[in-house]
Protein backbone atom coordinates (compact mmCIF):
# COMPACT_ATOMS: atom_id res chain seq x y z
CA UNK A 1 16.28 4.90 57.72
CA UNK A 2 15.03 4.01 54.22
CA UNK A 3 15.23 0.49 53.03
CA UNK A 4 17.90 0.37 50.31
CA UNK A 5 15.90 -2.06 48.15
CA UNK A 6 13.17 0.48 47.20
CA UNK A 7 15.27 2.63 44.88
CA UNK A 8 16.59 -0.22 42.71
CA UNK A 9 13.10 -1.72 42.60
CA UNK A 10 11.57 1.59 41.47
CA UNK A 11 14.30 1.97 38.86
CA UNK A 12 13.74 -1.58 37.60
CA UNK A 13 9.98 -0.97 37.31
CA UNK A 14 10.60 2.30 35.47
CA UNK A 15 13.00 0.68 32.98
CA UNK A 16 10.62 -2.24 32.44
CA UNK A 17 7.73 0.15 31.72
CA UNK A 18 9.86 2.08 29.20
CA UNK A 19 10.93 -1.14 27.45
CA UNK A 20 7.38 -2.45 27.21
CA UNK A 21 6.05 0.82 25.80
CA UNK A 22 8.92 1.01 23.28
CA UNK A 23 8.25 -2.52 22.04
CA UNK A 24 4.54 -1.78 21.81
CA UNK A 25 5.14 1.38 19.74
CA UNK A 26 7.61 -0.41 17.47
CA UNK A 27 5.11 -3.18 16.79
CA UNK A 28 2.39 -0.64 15.98
CA UNK A 29 4.64 1.06 13.41
CA UNK A 30 5.93 -2.18 11.88
CA UNK A 31 2.52 -3.71 11.47
CA UNK A 32 0.70 -0.85 9.77
CA UNK A 33 -2.03 -2.40 7.74
CA UNK A 34 -4.60 -1.26 5.22
CA UNK A 35 -8.31 -1.87 5.47
CA UNK A 36 -10.12 -3.08 2.38
CA UNK A 37 -13.77 -2.59 1.51
CA UNK A 38 -14.89 -5.49 3.70
CA UNK A 39 -13.14 -3.90 6.73
CA UNK A 40 -10.61 -6.69 7.05
CA UNK A 41 -7.04 -5.77 7.84
CA UNK A 42 -4.47 -6.69 5.21
CA UNK A 43 -0.70 -6.34 5.13
CA UNK A 44 0.83 -3.45 3.17
CA UNK A 45 2.48 -5.77 0.62
CA UNK A 46 -0.80 -7.56 -0.08
CA UNK A 47 -2.58 -4.22 -0.31
CA UNK A 48 0.12 -2.92 -2.65
CA UNK A 49 -0.17 -5.98 -4.86
CA UNK A 50 -3.96 -5.60 -5.10
CA UNK A 51 -3.73 -1.88 -5.85
CA UNK A 52 -1.08 -2.59 -8.50
CA UNK A 53 -3.21 -5.29 -10.15
CA UNK A 54 -6.30 -3.08 -10.15
CA UNK A 55 -4.68 0.03 -11.60
CA UNK A 56 -1.17 -0.38 -13.01
CA UNK A 57 -1.90 -3.17 -15.46
CA UNK A 58 -4.33 -0.87 -17.26
CA UNK A 59 -1.33 0.96 -18.75
CA UNK A 60 1.56 -1.53 -18.83
CA UNK A 61 2.77 -5.04 -18.04
CA UNK A 62 5.52 -6.27 -15.74
CA UNK A 63 8.02 -5.77 -18.58
CA UNK A 64 8.43 -2.14 -17.55
CA UNK A 65 9.98 -3.33 -14.25
CA UNK A 66 12.18 -6.07 -15.67
CA UNK A 67 13.60 -4.46 -18.80
CA UNK A 68 17.35 -3.96 -18.87
CA UNK A 69 17.23 -0.21 -19.55
CA UNK A 70 14.84 0.71 -16.75
CA UNK A 71 15.44 4.18 -15.39
CA UNK A 72 14.30 3.61 -11.79
CA UNK A 73 17.56 3.21 -9.88
CA UNK A 74 16.59 3.96 -6.26
CA UNK A 75 13.70 3.66 -3.85
CA UNK A 76 13.14 7.43 -4.11
CA UNK A 77 12.97 7.24 -7.90
CA UNK A 78 10.53 4.33 -7.62
CA UNK A 79 8.33 6.30 -5.26
CA UNK A 80 8.39 9.33 -7.55
CA UNK A 81 7.51 7.17 -10.56
CA UNK A 82 4.56 5.55 -8.78
CA UNK A 83 3.28 9.03 -7.83
CA UNK A 84 3.69 10.21 -11.47
CA UNK A 85 1.74 7.20 -12.73
CA UNK A 86 -0.94 7.67 -10.07
CA UNK A 87 -1.36 11.36 -10.86
CA UNK A 88 -1.24 10.82 -14.63
CA UNK A 89 -3.94 8.16 -14.46
CA UNK A 90 -6.08 9.93 -11.86
CA UNK A 91 -5.92 6.90 -9.58
CA UNK A 92 -7.72 7.70 -6.30
CA UNK A 93 -4.99 6.50 -3.92
CA UNK A 94 -4.12 7.85 -0.52
CA UNK A 95 -0.44 8.17 0.47
CA UNK A 96 -0.71 4.80 2.25
CA UNK A 97 -1.88 3.16 -0.98
CA UNK A 98 1.00 4.66 -2.94
CA UNK A 99 3.50 3.57 -0.28
CA UNK A 100 2.06 0.04 -0.33
CA UNK A 101 2.51 -0.17 -4.12
CA UNK A 102 6.10 1.10 -3.79
CA UNK A 103 6.79 -1.55 -1.12
CA UNK A 104 5.26 -4.26 -3.29
CA UNK A 105 7.20 -3.27 -6.42
CA UNK A 106 10.43 -2.97 -4.46
CA UNK A 107 10.05 -6.40 -2.90
CA UNK A 108 8.97 -8.12 -6.12
CA UNK A 109 11.21 -6.44 -8.71
CA UNK A 110 13.67 -3.83 -7.54
CA UNK A 111 15.05 -4.88 -4.12
CA UNK A 112 16.58 -1.53 -3.17
């Protein structure tokens, strides 16, 4: 006769393994980071702020984000506008760079 404790123990180990792997995957996705030229890992908001300072101020100031009649009214519109600016200025950003700038602008000015 089988010992009745084995099945619940196997189930508990299985559930624990699933929970641990889920938490691990969630942390990997939440903590995506960019690598700068010195190979140090930086947070997306910091990376977005640096990319913004290095490229966006060449064309405009922060007034474009704080004016009363701004036309960016959603996170999607903000993302599209950052892409338009990037493409129009031939800024050599990857998608991660663009996303980091959108995150930075949203946190600092828009708060969508």
